[in-house]
Amino acid sequence: MKRMIGLLEKAVYALCALLIALLLGMVLTQTLCRNLFRFAFVQVEELCILMLAWLTFLAAAYSLRRMGHVAVDFFFNKMPRKARYWLNIATILLLMALMAFLAWHGFGLSMRQMRTPLAITRIPRGYMFLAAPVSSVLMLLFLADSLVDCLGQNAITGVVIDTGEQIDAELQNGKKLADEVLNAPAEKEG
């Protein structure tokens, strides 16, 4: 299961990168055509909206997997280890219930919207709404993996972690990178 989740995570990351590149290219083309040649591709705007919906939800799933969502962990870090462990499990279970609800109702909504086409491209509107349930299922899988890790290792891993050591390591890496970037031009000149 770990290998499948890892491949799924990489696929979501690659799809997000592809959507960002396509979105950037289409918006840039639309802007240049509109400002330089005084015409616009009307289909591009609808396609960009569709891609942005998918990008938003897929990026949320990827961020959940990488524990990249903003979390206020001041009180969490002040709790005893056992309380943090149980709070983490409760958080994962609550998020799993929320994602199951969103997947179920989002799928129903997207199927009802399949009969309504977008105005210009005539693509069924349901494809835009389908981003929410698909990403919810991805989040469910990622959360299930986090729950297995948390229960199996009897450790505080999952959705509410960022230890002081991790933060310190990130700050040190950031300082090293800043020093390299700021000192690189000075070395070339000298």
N, C-alpha and C. Protein backbone atom coordinates (compact mmCIF):
# COMPACT_ATOMS: atom_id res chain seq x y z
N MET A 1 0.83 -1.20 0.00
CA MET A 1 0.00 0.00 0.00
C MET A 1 0.87 1.26 0.00
N LYS A 2 1.99 1.20 0.71
CA LYS A 2 2.88 2.37 0.76
C LYS A 2 3.36 2.76 -0.63
N ARG A 3 3.69 1.75 -1.44
CA ARG A 3 4.19 2.02 -2.78
C ARG A 3 3.11 2.67 -3.63
N MET A 4 1.88 2.17 -3.51
CA MET A 4 0.77 2.73 -4.28
C MET A 4 0.51 4.18 -3.87
N ILE A 5 0.53 4.44 -2.57
CA ILE A 5 0.31 5.81 -2.08
C ILE A 5 1.43 6.73 -2.57
N GLY A 6 2.67 6.23 -2.56
CA GLY A 6 3.79 7.02 -3.06
C GLY A 6 3.66 7.36 -4.53
N LEU A 7 3.25 6.37 -5.33
CA LEU A 7 3.04 6.62 -6.76
C LEU A 7 1.88 7.57 -6.99
N LEU A 8 0.84 7.43 -6.19
CA LEU A 8 -0.32 8.33 -6.30
C LEU A 8 0.08 9.76 -5.97
N GLU A 9 0.90 9.91 -4.93
CA GLU A 9 1.37 11.24 -4.56
C GLU A 9 2.19 11.87 -5.69
N LYS A 10 3.07 11.08 -6.31
CA LYS A 10 3.87 11.59 -7.42
C LYS A 10 3.00 11.95 -8.62
N ALA A 11 1.98 11.14 -8.87
CA ALA A 11 1.07 11.42 -9.99
C ALA A 11 0.29 12.71 -9.76
N VAL A 12 -0.16 12.92 -8.54
CA VAL A 12 -0.89 14.16 -8.22
C VAL A 12 0.04 15.36 -8.38
N TYR A 13 1.28 15.23 -7.91
CA TYR A 13 2.25 16.31 -8.05
C TYR A 13 2.51 16.62 -9.53
N ALA A 14 2.70 15.58 -10.34
CA ALA A 14 2.96 15.78 -11.77
C ALA A 14 1.76 16.41 -12.47
N LEU A 15 0.56 15.98 -12.09
CA LEU A 15 -0.64 16.56 -12.69
C LEU A 15 -0.79 18.03 -12.31
N CYS A 16 -0.48 18.36 -11.06
CA CYS A 16 -0.53 19.77 -10.64
C CYS A 16 0.48 20.60 -11.41
N ALA A 17 1.69 20.07 -11.57
CA ALA A 17 2.72 20.80 -12.33
C ALA A 17 2.27 21.01 -13.78
N LEU A 18 1.70 19.97 -14.38
CA LEU A 18 1.21 20.08 -15.76
C LEU A 18 0.09 21.11 -15.87
N LEU A 19 -0.85 21.08 -14.92
CA LEU A 19 -1.95 22.05 -14.94
C LEU A 19 -1.44 23.48 -14.77
N ILE A 20 -0.46 23.67 -13.91
CA ILE A 20 0.11 25.02 -13.73
C ILE A 20 0.76 25.49 -15.03
N ALA A 21 1.53 24.61 -15.67
CA ALA A 21 2.20 24.98 -16.92
C ALA A 21 1.17 25.31 -18.02
N LEU A 22 0.16 24.47 -18.14
CA LEU A 22 -0.88 24.72 -19.15
C LEU A 22 -1.64 26.01 -18.85
N LEU A 23 -1.99 26.20 -17.60
CA LEU A 23 -2.72 27.40 -17.20
C LEU A 23 -1.89 28.65 -17.47
N LEU A 24 -0.62 28.60 -17.12
CA LEU A 24 0.26 29.75 -17.36
C LEU A 24 0.38 30.03 -18.85
N GLY A 25 0.59 28.98 -19.64
CA GLY A 25 0.71 29.17 -21.09
C GLY A 25 -0.56 29.72 -21.72
N MET A 26 -1.70 29.21 -21.29
CA MET A 26 -2.96 29.68 -21.87
C MET A 26 -3.28 31.12 -21.48
N VAL A 27 -3.03 31.47 -20.23
CA VAL A 27 -3.29 32.84 -19.79
C VAL A 27 -2.32 33.80 -20.46
N LEU A 28 -1.07 33.40 -20.60
CA LEU A 28 -0.08 34.25 -21.28
C LEU A 28 -0.46 34.45 -22.74
N THR A 29 -0.85 33.38 -23.42
CA THR A 29 -1.29 33.48 -24.81
C THR A 29 -2.51 34.38 -24.94
N GLN A 30 -3.46 34.18 -24.06
CA GLN A 30 -4.68 35.00 -24.09
C GLN A 30 -4.35 36.48 -23.87
N THR A 31 -3.48 36.76 -22.92
CA THR A 31 -3.11 38.15 -22.63
C THR A 31 -2.38 38.79 -23.81
N LEU A 32 -1.42 38.06 -24.39
CA LEU A 32 -0.69 38.61 -25.53
C LEU A 32 -1.61 38.84 -26.73
N CYS A 33 -2.46 37.87 -27.01
CA CYS A 33 -3.38 38.02 -28.15
C CYS A 33 -4.34 39.19 -27.93
N ARG A 34 -4.81 39.33 -26.72
CA ARG A 34 -5.77 40.41 -26.44
C ARG A 34 -5.10 41.78 -26.52
N ASN A 35 -3.89 41.90 -26.00
CA ASN A 35 -3.23 43.21 -25.95
C ASN A 35 -2.47 43.56 -27.23
N LEU A 36 -1.90 42.58 -27.91
CA LEU A 36 -1.12 42.88 -29.10
C LEU A 36 -1.94 42.80 -30.39
N PHE A 37 -2.82 41.83 -30.48
CA PHE A 37 -3.54 41.60 -31.74
C PHE A 37 -5.01 41.96 -31.66
N ARG A 38 -5.46 42.39 -30.53
CA ARG A 38 -6.85 42.84 -30.31
C ARG A 38 -7.91 41.76 -30.60
N PHE A 39 -7.57 40.53 -30.31
CA PHE A 39 -8.59 39.48 -30.36
C PHE A 39 -8.32 38.50 -29.22
N ALA A 40 -9.33 37.74 -28.89
CA ALA A 40 -9.20 36.81 -27.76
C ALA A 40 -9.83 35.48 -28.13
N PHE A 41 -9.26 34.44 -27.56
CA PHE A 41 -9.85 33.11 -27.67
C PHE A 41 -10.84 32.96 -26.53
N VAL A 42 -12.11 32.97 -26.85
CA VAL A 42 -13.11 32.92 -25.78
C VAL A 42 -13.14 31.56 -25.10
N GLN A 43 -12.72 30.52 -25.79
CA GLN A 43 -12.72 29.19 -25.20
C GLN A 43 -11.67 29.07 -24.09
N VAL A 44 -10.61 29.85 -24.20
CA VAL A 44 -9.50 29.75 -23.25
C VAL A 44 -9.95 30.09 -21.84
N GLU A 45 -10.81 31.08 -21.71
CA GLU A 45 -11.25 31.49 -20.38
C GLU A 45 -12.01 30.36 -19.67
N GLU A 46 -12.88 29.68 -20.39
CA GLU A 46 -13.61 28.57 -19.78
C GLU A 46 -12.67 27.41 -19.44
N LEU A 47 -11.74 27.13 -20.31
CA LEU A 47 -10.78 26.06 -20.04
C LEU A 47 -9.91 26.40 -18.83
N CYS A 48 -9.53 27.66 -18.69
CA CYS A 48 -8.73 28.08 -17.54
C CYS A 48 -9.52 27.92 -16.24
N ILE A 49 -10.78 28.25 -16.26
CA ILE A 49 -11.62 28.09 -15.07
C ILE A 49 -11.72 26.61 -14.70
N LEU A 50 -11.89 25.77 -15.69
CA LEU A 50 -11.98 24.32 -15.47
C LEU A 50 -10.66 23.78 -14.88
N MET A 51 -9.55 24.19 -15.47
CA MET A 51 -8.24 23.73 -14.98
C MET A 51 -7.94 24.27 -13.59
N LEU A 52 -8.35 25.50 -13.32
CA LEU A 52 -8.10 26.09 -12.00
C LEU A 52 -8.87 25.34 -10.91
N ALA A 53 -10.08 24.91 -11.21
CA ALA A 53 -10.84 24.12 -10.24
C ALA A 53 -10.11 22.82 -9.92
N TRP A 54 -9.65 22.12 -10.95
CA TRP A 54 -8.93 20.88 -10.73
C TRP A 54 -7.61 21.12 -10.01
N LEU A 55 -6.89 22.15 -10.40
CA LEU A 55 -5.61 22.46 -9.77
C LEU A 55 -5.79 22.75 -8.28
N THR A 56 -6.80 23.50 -7.93
CA THR A 56 -7.05 23.86 -6.54
C THR A 56 -7.27 22.63 -5.68
N PHE A 57 -8.15 21.74 -6.14
CA PHE A 57 -8.47 20.57 -5.32
C PHE A 57 -7.34 19.54 -5.31
N LEU A 58 -6.67 19.35 -6.44
CA LEU A 58 -5.55 18.41 -6.45
C LEU A 58 -4.39 18.92 -5.60
N ALA A 59 -4.15 20.23 -5.63
CA ALA A 59 -3.09 20.80 -4.79
C ALA A 59 -3.45 20.68 -3.31
N ALA A 60 -4.73 20.78 -2.97
CA ALA A 60 -5.14 20.60 -1.59
C ALA A 60 -4.87 19.16 -1.14
N ALA A 61 -5.13 18.19 -2.02
CA ALA A 61 -4.85 16.79 -1.68
C ALA A 61 -3.35 16.57 -1.50
N TYR A 62 -2.55 17.14 -2.39
CA TYR A 62 -1.10 16.99 -2.28
C TYR A 62 -0.59 17.67 -1.01
N SER A 63 -1.12 18.83 -0.72
CA SER A 63 -0.71 19.55 0.48
C SER A 63 -1.06 18.78 1.74
N LEU A 64 -2.22 18.14 1.75
CA LEU A 64 -2.60 17.32 2.89
C LEU A 64 -1.62 16.16 3.06
N ARG A 65 -1.23 15.54 1.96
CA ARG A 65 -0.28 14.42 2.03
C ARG A 65 1.06 14.86 2.59
N ARG A 66 1.52 16.04 2.18
CA ARG A 66 2.83 16.54 2.61
C ARG A 66 2.75 17.34 3.91
N MET A 67 1.57 17.37 4.53
CA MET A 67 1.33 18.12 5.77
C MET A 67 1.70 19.59 5.58
N GLY A 68 1.26 20.15 4.47
CA GLY A 68 1.60 21.52 4.14
C GLY A 68 0.53 22.54 4.47
N HIS A 69 -0.59 22.09 5.02
CA HIS A 69 -1.64 23.03 5.38
C HIS A 69 -1.23 23.82 6.61
N VAL A 70 -1.74 25.01 6.71
CA VAL A 70 -1.45 25.86 7.86
C VAL A 70 -2.09 25.24 9.09
N ALA A 71 -1.34 25.14 10.15
CA ALA A 71 -1.87 24.58 11.40
C ALA A 71 -1.39 25.45 12.55
N VAL A 72 -2.28 25.74 13.44
CA VAL A 72 -1.91 26.46 14.66
C VAL A 72 -1.59 25.38 15.69
N ASP A 73 -0.31 25.20 15.96
CA ASP A 73 0.08 24.09 16.82
C ASP A 73 0.63 24.54 18.17
N PHE A 74 0.36 25.77 18.54
CA PHE A 74 0.87 26.27 19.82
C PHE A 74 0.35 25.42 20.98
N PHE A 75 -0.98 25.24 21.04
CA PHE A 75 -1.56 24.46 22.13
C PHE A 75 -1.25 22.97 21.96
N PHE A 76 -1.20 22.52 20.71
CA PHE A 76 -0.88 21.12 20.44
C PHE A 76 0.49 20.75 21.01
N ASN A 77 1.47 21.62 20.80
CA ASN A 77 2.83 21.35 21.30
C ASN A 77 2.93 21.45 22.82
N LYS A 78 2.00 22.14 23.46
CA LYS A 78 2.00 22.27 24.92
C LYS A 78 1.37 21.06 25.60
N MET A 79 0.64 20.23 24.83
CA MET A 79 -0.05 19.07 25.41
C MET A 79 0.93 17.95 25.70
N PRO A 80 0.56 17.07 26.63
CA PRO A 80 1.39 15.88 26.84
C PRO A 80 1.35 14.98 25.60
N ARG A 81 2.36 14.15 25.46
CA ARG A 81 2.50 13.31 24.27
C ARG A 81 1.27 12.45 24.03
N LYS A 82 0.72 11.85 25.05
CA LYS A 82 -0.45 10.96 24.90
C LYS A 82 -1.65 11.75 24.37
N ALA A 83 -1.85 12.96 24.88
CA ALA A 83 -2.97 13.79 24.41
C ALA A 83 -2.77 14.18 22.95
N ARG A 84 -1.54 14.49 22.57
CA ARG A 84 -1.26 14.83 21.17
C ARG A 84 -1.54 13.65 20.26
N TYR A 85 -1.17 12.45 20.72
CA TYR A 85 -1.40 11.24 19.94
C TYR A 85 -2.89 11.04 19.67
N TRP A 86 -3.71 11.14 20.73
CA TRP A 86 -5.14 10.92 20.57
C TRP A 86 -5.81 12.06 19.80
N LEU A 87 -5.34 13.28 19.99
CA LEU A 87 -5.88 14.40 19.22
C LEU A 87 -5.57 14.23 17.73
N ASN A 88 -4.38 13.74 17.43
CA ASN A 88 -4.00 13.51 16.05
C ASN A 88 -4.89 12.44 15.41
N ILE A 89 -5.15 11.36 16.13
CA ILE A 89 -6.03 10.31 15.62
C ILE A 89 -7.44 10.85 15.41
N ALA A 90 -7.93 11.62 16.39
CA ALA A 90 -9.27 12.21 16.26
C ALA A 90 -9.34 13.16 15.07
N THR A 91 -8.30 13.93 14.85
CA THR A 91 -8.26 14.85 13.71
C THR A 91 -8.30 14.09 12.39
N ILE A 92 -7.51 13.03 12.30
CA ILE A 92 -7.49 12.22 11.07
C ILE A 92 -8.87 11.62 10.82
N LEU A 93 -9.48 11.05 11.86
CA LEU A 93 -10.80 10.43 11.70
C LEU A 93 -11.87 11.45 11.31
N LEU A 94 -11.81 12.62 11.93
CA LEU A 94 -12.76 13.68 11.59
C LEU A 94 -12.58 14.14 10.13
N LEU A 95 -11.34 14.30 9.72
CA LEU A 95 -11.08 14.69 8.34
C LEU A 95 -11.51 13.60 7.36
N MET A 96 -11.33 12.34 7.74
CA MET A 96 -11.78 11.24 6.88
C MET A 96 -13.30 11.27 6.71
N ALA A 97 -14.00 11.53 7.80
CA ALA A 97 -15.47 11.62 7.72
C ALA A 97 -15.88 12.78 6.82
N LEU A 98 -15.21 13.92 6.97
CA LEU A 98 -15.52 15.08 6.14
C LEU A 98 -15.23 14.81 4.67
N MET A 99 -14.12 14.15 4.38
CA MET A 99 -13.78 13.84 2.99
C MET A 99 -14.75 12.83 2.39
N ALA A 100 -15.20 11.86 3.19
CA ALA A 100 -16.19 10.89 2.69
C ALA A 100 -17.50 11.60 2.36
N PHE A 101 -17.91 12.51 3.23
CA PHE A 101 -19.13 13.31 2.98
C PHE A 101 -18.98 14.13 1.71
N LEU A 102 -17.85 14.80 1.57
CA LEU A 102 -17.61 15.63 0.38
C LEU A 102 -17.54 14.79 -0.89
N ALA A 103 -16.93 13.62 -0.80
CA ALA A 103 -16.85 12.75 -1.98
C ALA A 103 -18.24 12.28 -2.39
N TRP A 104 -19.03 11.86 -1.43
CA TRP A 104 -20.37 11.34 -1.73
C TRP A 104 -21.27 12.41 -2.34
N HIS A 105 -21.37 13.54 -1.65
CA HIS A 105 -22.26 14.59 -2.13
C HIS A 105 -21.68 15.33 -3.34
N GLY A 106 -20.37 15.45 -3.40
CA GLY A 106 -19.75 16.09 -4.56
C GLY A 106 -19.94 15.28 -5.83
N PHE A 107 -19.88 13.95 -5.70
CA PHE A 107 -20.11 13.11 -6.86
C PHE A 107 -21.55 13.26 -7.36
N GLY A 108 -22.49 13.28 -6.43
CA GLY A 108 -23.90 13.47 -6.81
C GLY A 108 -24.12 14.80 -7.50
N LEU A 109 -23.51 15.85 -6.96
CA LEU A 109 -23.65 17.18 -7.56
C LEU A 109 -23.03 17.21 -8.95
N SER A 110 -21.85 16.62 -9.09
CA SER A 110 -21.20 16.66 -10.41
C SER A 110 -21.99 15.85 -11.44
N MET A 111 -22.60 14.75 -11.03
CA MET A 111 -23.41 13.97 -11.98
C MET A 111 -24.65 14.75 -12.41
N ARG A 112 -25.25 15.50 -11.47
CA ARG A 112 -26.41 16.32 -11.84
C ARG A 112 -26.01 17.45 -12.79
N GLN A 113 -24.79 17.93 -12.67
CA GLN A 113 -24.32 19.04 -13.51
C GLN A 113 -23.83 18.58 -14.88
N MET A 114 -23.73 17.28 -15.09
CA MET A 114 -23.27 16.77 -16.40
C MET A 114 -24.24 17.12 -17.52
N ARG A 115 -25.48 17.38 -17.19
CA ARG A 115 -26.47 17.73 -18.22
C ARG A 115 -26.37 19.20 -18.63
N THR A 116 -25.65 19.99 -17.86
CA THR A 116 -25.55 21.42 -18.14
C THR A 116 -24.18 21.73 -18.76
N PRO A 117 -24.14 22.13 -20.03
CA PRO A 117 -22.85 22.42 -20.66
C PRO A 117 -22.38 23.84 -20.33
N LEU A 118 -21.06 24.02 -20.40
CA LEU A 118 -20.51 25.36 -20.30
C LEU A 118 -20.94 26.14 -21.53
N ALA A 119 -21.00 27.44 -21.42
CA ALA A 119 -21.60 28.28 -22.46
C ALA A 119 -20.86 28.23 -23.80
N ILE A 120 -19.55 28.24 -23.80
CA ILE A 120 -18.82 28.38 -25.05
C ILE A 120 -18.24 27.05 -25.53
N THR A 121 -17.56 26.33 -24.66
CA THR A 121 -16.90 25.09 -25.07
C THR A 121 -17.86 23.91 -25.13
N ARG A 122 -19.02 24.04 -24.50
CA ARG A 122 -20.03 22.99 -24.44
C ARG A 122 -19.56 21.76 -23.66
N ILE A 123 -18.48 21.91 -22.89
CA ILE A 123 -18.02 20.84 -22.00
C ILE A 123 -19.02 20.75 -20.85
N PRO A 124 -19.43 19.55 -20.46
CA PRO A 124 -20.37 19.46 -19.34
C PRO A 124 -19.80 20.09 -18.06
N ARG A 125 -20.61 20.91 -17.43
CA ARG A 125 -20.22 21.62 -16.22
C ARG A 125 -19.83 20.65 -15.09
N GLY A 126 -20.34 19.45 -15.14
CA GLY A 126 -20.05 18.46 -14.11
C GLY A 126 -18.58 18.11 -14.00
N TYR A 127 -17.82 18.25 -15.11
CA TYR A 127 -16.38 17.97 -15.04
C TYR A 127 -15.66 18.92 -14.11
N MET A 128 -16.15 20.15 -14.02
CA MET A 128 -15.56 21.10 -13.09
C MET A 128 -15.87 20.69 -11.65
N PHE A 129 -17.11 20.28 -11.41
CA PHE A 129 -17.52 19.88 -10.06
C PHE A 129 -16.91 18.55 -9.66
N LEU A 130 -16.50 17.75 -10.61
CA LEU A 130 -15.93 16.44 -10.33
C LEU A 130 -14.57 16.54 -9.62
N ALA A 131 -13.94 17.69 -9.69
CA ALA A 131 -12.65 17.88 -9.02
C ALA A 131 -12.76 17.67 -7.51
N ALA A 132 -13.86 18.11 -6.92
CA ALA A 132 -14.02 17.99 -5.46
C ALA A 132 -14.12 16.54 -5.00
N PRO A 133 -14.99 15.70 -5.58
CA PRO A 133 -15.04 14.33 -5.08
C PRO A 133 -13.79 13.50 -5.41
N VAL A 134 -13.19 13.73 -6.57
CA VAL A 134 -11.98 12.99 -6.91
C VAL A 134 -10.87 13.33 -5.93
N SER A 135 -10.69 14.61 -5.64
CA SER A 135 -9.67 15.01 -4.68
C SER A 135 -10.01 14.55 -3.27
N SER A 136 -11.28 14.47 -2.94
CA SER A 136 -11.69 13.98 -1.63
C SER A 136 -11.32 12.51 -1.46
N VAL A 137 -11.49 11.73 -2.53
CA VAL A 137 -11.10 10.33 -2.47
C VAL A 137 -9.58 10.21 -2.31
N LEU A 138 -8.83 11.05 -3.02
CA LEU A 138 -7.37 11.06 -2.85
C LEU A 138 -7.00 11.41 -1.41
N MET A 139 -7.67 12.41 -0.85
CA MET A 139 -7.40 12.80 0.53
C MET A 139 -7.75 11.67 1.49
N LEU A 140 -8.84 10.95 1.21
CA LEU A 140 -9.21 9.80 2.05
C LEU A 140 -8.10 8.77 2.05
N LEU A 141 -7.54 8.47 0.89
CA LEU A 141 -6.45 7.50 0.80
C LEU A 141 -5.22 7.99 1.56
N PHE A 142 -4.89 9.27 1.39
CA PHE A 142 -3.73 9.83 2.09
C PHE A 142 -3.96 9.83 3.61
N LEU A 143 -5.17 10.15 4.03
CA LEU A 143 -5.48 10.15 5.46
C LEU A 143 -5.46 8.74 6.02
N ALA A 144 -5.96 7.77 5.26
CA ALA A 144 -5.93 6.38 5.72
C ALA A 144 -4.49 5.92 5.93
N ASP A 145 -3.60 6.31 5.03
CA ASP A 145 -2.19 5.98 5.18
C ASP A 145 -1.60 6.64 6.43
N SER A 146 -1.97 7.89 6.67
CA SER A 146 -1.50 8.58 7.87
C SER A 146 -2.02 7.91 9.14
N LEU A 147 -3.28 7.46 9.10
CA LEU A 147 -3.86 6.79 10.25
C LEU A 147 -3.16 5.47 10.53
N VAL A 148 -2.86 4.72 9.48
CA VAL A 148 -2.13 3.46 9.65
C VAL A 148 -0.75 3.73 10.25
N ASP A 149 -0.06 4.75 9.75
CA ASP A 149 1.24 5.12 10.31
C ASP A 149 1.13 5.49 11.78
N CYS A 150 0.14 6.30 12.08
CA CYS A 150 -0.04 6.79 13.45
C CYS A 150 -0.34 5.63 14.40
N LEU A 151 -1.25 4.74 14.01
CA LEU A 151 -1.61 3.62 14.87
C LEU A 151 -0.52 2.57 14.93
N GLY A 152 0.11 2.30 13.79
CA GLY A 152 1.12 1.25 13.73
C GLY A 152 2.39 1.59 14.47
N GLN A 153 2.78 2.83 14.43
CA GLN A 153 4.03 3.24 15.07
C GLN A 153 3.80 3.80 16.46
N ASN A 154 2.53 3.92 16.86
CA ASN A 154 2.19 4.55 18.13
C ASN A 154 2.92 5.89 18.26
N ALA A 155 2.91 6.62 17.17
CA ALA A 155 3.67 7.87 17.10
C ALA A 155 2.74 9.01 16.70
N ILE A 156 3.21 10.19 16.89
CA ILE A 156 2.45 11.38 16.53
C ILE A 156 2.86 11.77 15.12
N THR A 157 2.26 11.08 14.15
CA THR A 157 2.45 11.44 12.75
C THR A 157 1.08 11.53 12.14
N GLY A 158 0.97 12.27 11.10
CA GLY A 158 -0.34 12.40 10.48
C GLY A 158 -0.55 13.79 9.94
N VAL A 159 -1.50 14.51 10.49
CA VAL A 159 -1.84 15.81 9.93
C VAL A 159 -1.44 16.97 10.81
N VAL A 160 -1.02 16.72 12.03
CA VAL A 160 -0.71 17.82 12.95
C VAL A 160 0.71 17.67 13.47
N ILE A 161 1.69 17.74 12.57
CA ILE A 161 3.05 17.69 13.05
C ILE A 161 3.87 18.80 12.43
N ASP A 162 4.77 19.24 13.12
CA ASP A 162 5.86 20.14 12.76
C ASP A 162 6.64 20.34 14.04
N THR A 163 7.61 19.51 14.24
CA THR A 163 8.38 19.61 15.47
C THR A 163 9.33 20.79 15.40
N GLY A 164 9.79 21.19 16.53
CA GLY A 164 10.75 22.28 16.59
C GLY A 164 12.01 21.97 15.81
N GLU A 165 12.42 20.69 15.82
CA GLU A 165 13.62 20.29 15.08
C GLU A 165 13.42 20.47 13.57
N GLN A 166 12.22 20.11 13.09
CA GLN A 166 11.94 20.27 11.67
C GLN A 166 11.96 21.75 11.27
N ILE A 167 11.37 22.58 12.10
CA ILE A 167 11.34 24.01 11.82
C ILE A 167 12.75 24.59 11.83
N ASP A 168 13.56 24.20 12.82
CA ASP A 168 14.95 24.67 12.89
C ASP A 168 15.75 24.23 11.67
N ALA A 169 15.55 22.99 11.23
CA ALA A 169 16.26 22.49 10.05
C ALA A 169 15.85 23.29 8.80
N GLU A 170 14.55 23.58 8.66
CA GLU A 170 14.08 24.38 7.52
C GLU A 170 14.69 25.78 7.55
N LEU A 171 14.75 26.38 8.73
CA LEU A 171 15.35 27.71 8.85
C LEU A 171 16.83 27.70 8.48
N GLN A 172 17.56 26.68 8.93
CA GLN A 172 18.98 26.57 8.59
C GLN A 172 19.18 26.39 7.09
N ASN A 173 18.33 25.54 6.47
CA ASN A 173 18.42 25.35 5.02
C ASN A 173 18.12 26.65 4.29
N GLY A 174 17.13 27.39 4.78
CA GLY A 174 16.80 28.67 4.17
C GLY A 174 17.93 29.68 4.29
N LYS A 175 18.58 29.72 5.46
CA LYS A 175 19.71 30.63 5.65
C LYS A 175 20.88 30.26 4.74
N LYS A 176 21.16 28.95 4.60
CA LYS A 176 22.24 28.51 3.71
C LYS A 176 21.96 28.91 2.28
N LEU A 177 20.73 28.70 1.85
CA LEU A 177 20.35 29.05 0.48
C LEU A 177 20.46 30.56 0.26
N ALA A 178 19.99 31.33 1.23
CA ALA A 178 20.07 32.80 1.11
C ALA A 178 21.53 33.24 1.03
N ASP A 179 22.40 32.66 1.84
CA ASP A 179 23.82 33.00 1.80
C ASP A 179 24.43 32.66 0.44
N GLU A 180 24.08 31.49 -0.10
CA GLU A 180 24.61 31.09 -1.40
C GLU A 180 24.15 32.05 -2.49
N VAL A 181 22.88 32.43 -2.46
CA VAL A 181 22.34 33.31 -3.50
C VAL A 181 22.93 34.71 -3.36
N LEU A 182 23.00 35.22 -2.14
CA LEU A 182 23.50 36.58 -1.95
C LEU A 182 25.00 36.69 -2.18
N ASN A 183 25.75 35.65 -1.91
CA ASN A 183 27.21 35.70 -2.08
C ASN A 183 27.67 35.28 -3.45
N ALA A 184 26.84 34.66 -4.24
CA ALA A 184 27.24 34.17 -5.57
C ALA A 184 27.67 35.31 -6.50
N PRO A 185 26.92 36.42 -6.63
CA PRO A 185 27.38 37.49 -7.53
C PRO A 185 28.67 38.13 -7.08
N ALA A 186 28.91 38.24 -5.78
CA ALA A 186 30.13 38.85 -5.26
C ALA A 186 31.35 38.02 -5.64
N GLU A 187 31.21 36.70 -5.65
CA GLU A 187 32.33 35.83 -6.00
C GLU A 187 32.66 35.96 -7.48
N LYS A 188 31.65 36.13 -8.34
CA LYS A 188 31.89 36.24 -9.77
C LYS A 188 32.58 37.55 -10.12
N GLU A 189 32.22 38.62 -9.39
CA GLU A 189 32.79 39.94 -9.68
C GLU A 189 34.24 40.00 -9.25
N GLY A 190 34.57 39.34 -8.16
CA GLY A 190 35.88 39.45 -7.53
C GLY A 190 36.89 38.58 -8.10
